[in-house]
Amino acid sequence: MKKVLISMLIIFTLVFLFESCQKKVKTEPVKPPEKVEKVEEVTPKVEKPVLTEEEIFMKKSLEQINSEGHLNRINFDFDKYFIREDMKVILQANAEWLLKHPTVVISVEGHCDEKGTIEYNMALGEKRAKAAMNYMVSLGVPAARVQIISYGKNKPLIPGASSEADHFMNRRAESIIIKK
């Protein structure tokens, strides 16, 4: 019996030891998850730089600029190369535009109608181009920014002109931007 008591005591001691050695886990009450605010990520707005009028101008091709009609043609009377009073306003507007764009170089083209010889019309076209250039130079446009060329009757605006109005349209000086 003594053996039984000792065995029981040993078993009881072992059980007690095992029970006391086990980790005691504290059980805390489960908290509900905290409410998390949704934060939207703000992407910085990149603003496009505002281009100046000059920067916009410089991005355009010569063809685009010429097609926009900044410089207008003037017309002449038959066999004349002096600037008509009604055409001076057009040249003044052309000169003002050129003064606002100081890097622009233009070519003033002199043209004639189909009447007269080739030689005569080449000389008359040159006089018309020079007259237009000289008028703009008198308004402050530097002469170095203006080139002249005569096409005589070689480049009519209205080929085969039959009326005086058509001939008048062919007798002209046109300002073409050749460098910006």
Protein backbone atom coordinates (compact mmCIF):
# COMPACT_ATOMS: atom_id res chain seq x y z
CA MET A 1 0.00 0.00 0.00
CA LYS A 2 2.83 2.20 0.70
CA LYS A 3 3.87 1.76 -2.85
CA VAL A 4 0.47 2.80 -4.07
CA LEU A 5 0.52 5.91 -1.94
CA ILE A 6 3.95 6.91 -3.13
CA SER A 7 2.96 6.30 -6.73
CA MET A 8 -0.12 8.43 -6.28
CA LEU A 9 1.87 11.13 -4.66
CA ILE A 10 4.33 11.09 -7.53
CA ILE A 11 1.51 11.23 -10.06
CA PHE A 12 -0.19 14.01 -8.16
CA THR A 13 3.08 15.98 -8.00
CA LEU A 14 3.74 15.48 -11.69
CA VAL A 15 0.28 16.60 -12.61
CA PHE A 16 0.61 19.60 -10.37
CA LEU A 17 3.97 20.49 -11.93
CA PHE A 18 2.68 20.12 -15.44
CA GLU A 19 -0.29 22.28 -14.66
CA SER A 20 1.77 25.01 -13.10
CA CYS A 21 4.38 25.01 -15.89
CA GLN A 22 1.89 25.53 -18.68
CA LYS A 23 1.77 29.04 -20.08
CA LYS A 24 -1.16 30.89 -18.94
CA VAL A 25 -2.68 32.77 -21.82
CA LYS A 26 -4.47 35.83 -20.90
CA THR A 27 -7.56 36.24 -22.89
CA GLU A 28 -8.51 39.79 -23.51
CA PRO A 29 -11.83 40.71 -24.88
CA VAL A 30 -11.75 41.21 -28.64
CA LYS A 31 -12.06 44.86 -29.56
CA PRO A 32 -13.92 45.81 -32.66
CA PRO A 33 -11.53 47.17 -35.35
CA GLU A 34 -11.01 50.88 -35.24
CA LYS A 35 -12.72 52.84 -37.94
CA VAL A 36 -10.06 53.90 -40.42
CA GLU A 37 -10.70 56.99 -42.45
CA LYS A 38 -10.07 56.59 -46.13
CA VAL A 39 -7.49 59.11 -47.19
CA GLU A 40 -7.47 59.87 -50.87
CA GLU A 41 -4.06 60.31 -52.31
CA VAL A 42 -3.80 63.74 -53.81
CA THR A 43 -1.83 63.85 -57.02
CA PRO A 44 -0.22 67.20 -57.46
CA LYS A 45 -1.68 68.97 -60.45
CA VAL A 46 1.01 69.91 -62.88
CA GLU A 47 0.06 73.08 -64.64
CA LYS A 48 1.18 73.52 -68.20
CA PRO A 49 3.32 76.57 -68.52
CA VAL A 50 1.58 79.43 -70.20
CA LEU A 51 3.42 80.28 -73.38
CA THR A 52 4.02 83.86 -74.33
CA GLU A 53 2.85 85.19 -77.66
CA GLU A 54 6.47 85.20 -78.82
CA GLU A 55 6.97 81.53 -77.81
CA ILE A 56 3.80 80.50 -79.64
CA PHE A 57 4.97 82.46 -82.67
CA MET A 58 8.38 80.77 -82.65
CA LYS A 59 6.83 77.29 -82.55
CA LYS A 60 4.97 77.88 -85.83
CA SER A 61 6.42 77.16 -89.24
CA LEU A 62 6.97 79.94 -91.78
CA GLU A 63 4.18 78.45 -93.87
CA GLN A 64 1.75 78.64 -90.93
CA ILE A 65 2.70 82.21 -90.11
CA ASN A 66 2.36 83.35 -93.73
CA SER A 67 -1.01 81.63 -94.06
CA GLU A 68 -2.33 83.50 -90.99
CA GLY A 69 -2.34 86.74 -93.00
CA HIS A 70 -0.32 89.01 -90.72
CA LEU A 71 1.09 90.85 -93.72
CA ASN A 72 -1.24 91.97 -96.48
CA ARG A 73 -0.61 92.74 -100.13
CA ILE A 74 -1.00 96.12 -101.71
CA ASN A 75 -2.05 96.87 -105.28
CA PHE A 76 -0.91 99.44 -107.82
CA ASP A 77 -2.42 101.38 -110.68
CA PHE A 78 -1.55 100.51 -114.27
CA ASP A 79 2.07 101.31 -115.14
CA LYS A 80 2.65 102.93 -111.70
CA TYR A 81 4.82 102.11 -108.71
CA PHE A 82 3.90 104.84 -106.23
CA ILE A 83 1.94 103.84 -103.13
CA ARG A 84 -1.75 104.66 -103.41
CA GLU A 85 -3.33 106.48 -100.45
CA ASP A 86 -5.72 103.59 -99.76
CA MET A 87 -2.76 101.15 -99.68
CA LYS A 88 -0.73 103.15 -97.12
CA VAL A 89 -3.00 101.92 -94.31
CA ILE A 90 -2.17 98.33 -95.25
CA LEU A 91 1.57 99.03 -95.24
CA GLN A 92 1.25 100.83 -91.90
CA ALA A 93 -0.42 97.74 -90.40
CA ASN A 94 2.33 95.55 -91.90
CA ALA A 95 5.02 97.82 -90.42
CA GLU A 96 3.37 97.78 -86.98
CA TRP A 97 3.28 93.98 -87.03
CA LEU A 98 6.93 93.81 -88.09
CA LEU A 99 7.92 96.19 -85.29
CA LYS A 100 6.18 93.90 -82.77
CA HIS A 101 8.19 90.95 -84.12
CA PRO A 102 11.73 92.30 -84.34
CA THR A 103 13.36 89.07 -85.50
CA VAL A 104 11.19 88.65 -88.60
CA VAL A 105 12.77 89.13 -92.02
CA ILE A 106 10.50 89.56 -95.03
CA SER A 107 10.73 89.51 -98.79
CA VAL A 108 8.64 92.06 -100.65
CA GLU A 109 7.68 90.61 -104.01
CA GLY A 110 6.83 92.98 -106.86
CA HIS A 111 4.32 91.75 -109.44
CA CYS A 112 2.78 93.10 -112.64
CA ASP A 113 -0.13 92.28 -114.90
CA GLU A 114 0.36 90.49 -118.22
CA LYS A 115 0.57 93.69 -120.24
CA GLY A 116 4.00 94.81 -121.44
CA THR A 117 7.27 93.04 -122.14
CA ILE A 118 9.03 90.71 -119.73
CA GLU A 119 11.93 93.14 -119.24
CA TYR A 120 9.66 96.12 -118.65
CA ASN A 121 7.55 94.23 -116.11
CA MET A 122 10.62 92.90 -114.25
CA ALA A 123 11.85 96.48 -113.81
CA LEU A 124 8.37 97.73 -112.83
CA GLY A 125 7.96 94.85 -110.33
CA GLU A 126 11.26 95.80 -108.72
CA LYS A 127 10.19 99.45 -108.43
CA ARG A 128 6.93 98.36 -106.79
CA ALA A 129 8.75 96.14 -104.29
CA LYS A 130 11.21 98.97 -103.50
CA ALA A 131 8.38 101.46 -103.05
CA ALA A 132 6.63 99.17 -100.55
CA MET A 133 9.91 98.48 -98.72
CA ASN A 134 10.83 102.18 -98.57
CA TYR A 135 7.44 103.08 -97.15
CA MET A 136 7.76 100.50 -94.35
CA VAL A 137 11.34 101.64 -93.68
CA SER A 138 10.02 105.22 -93.36
CA LEU A 139 7.70 103.86 -90.63
CA GLY A 140 10.61 102.46 -88.61
CA VAL A 141 11.15 98.96 -90.01
CA PRO A 142 14.92 98.41 -90.40
CA ALA A 143 15.91 98.08 -94.07
CA ALA A 144 18.11 95.09 -93.18
CA ARG A 145 14.95 93.11 -92.39
CA VAL A 146 13.40 93.66 -95.82
CA GLN A 147 14.52 92.01 -99.05
CA ILE A 148 12.98 92.68 -102.44
CA ILE A 149 12.42 90.56 -105.52
CA SER A 150 10.60 91.14 -108.78
CA TYR A 151 8.56 88.49 -110.51
CA GLY A 152 7.26 90.84 -113.20
CA LYS A 153 4.38 89.10 -114.90
CA ASN A 154 5.66 85.58 -114.14
CA LYS A 155 3.43 84.87 -111.11
CA PRO A 156 0.00 86.37 -111.69
CA LEU A 157 -2.51 86.09 -108.87
CA ILE A 158 -5.23 85.68 -111.49
CA PRO A 159 -3.81 83.91 -114.57
CA GLY A 160 -5.40 84.92 -117.85
CA ALA A 161 -6.91 88.08 -116.36
CA SER A 162 -9.52 89.56 -118.63
CA SER A 163 -11.03 92.45 -116.66
CA GLU A 164 -9.46 95.60 -115.23
CA ALA A 165 -10.29 94.31 -111.73
CA ASP A 166 -8.31 91.12 -112.44
CA HIS A 167 -5.36 93.11 -113.84
CA PHE A 168 -5.47 95.35 -110.74
CA MET A 169 -5.19 92.26 -108.50
CA ASN A 170 -2.10 91.13 -110.44
CA ARG A 171 -0.39 94.54 -110.03
CA ARG A 172 0.77 94.05 -106.45
CA ALA A 173 3.50 93.86 -103.84
CA GLU A 174 3.31 90.97 -101.42
CA SER A 175 5.22 90.72 -98.13
CA ILE A 176 6.31 87.16 -97.35
CA ILE A 177 7.96 86.14 -94.06
CA ILE A 178 11.21 84.36 -94.88
CA LYS A 179 12.80 84.22 -91.41
CA LYS A 180 11.40 84.45 -87.90
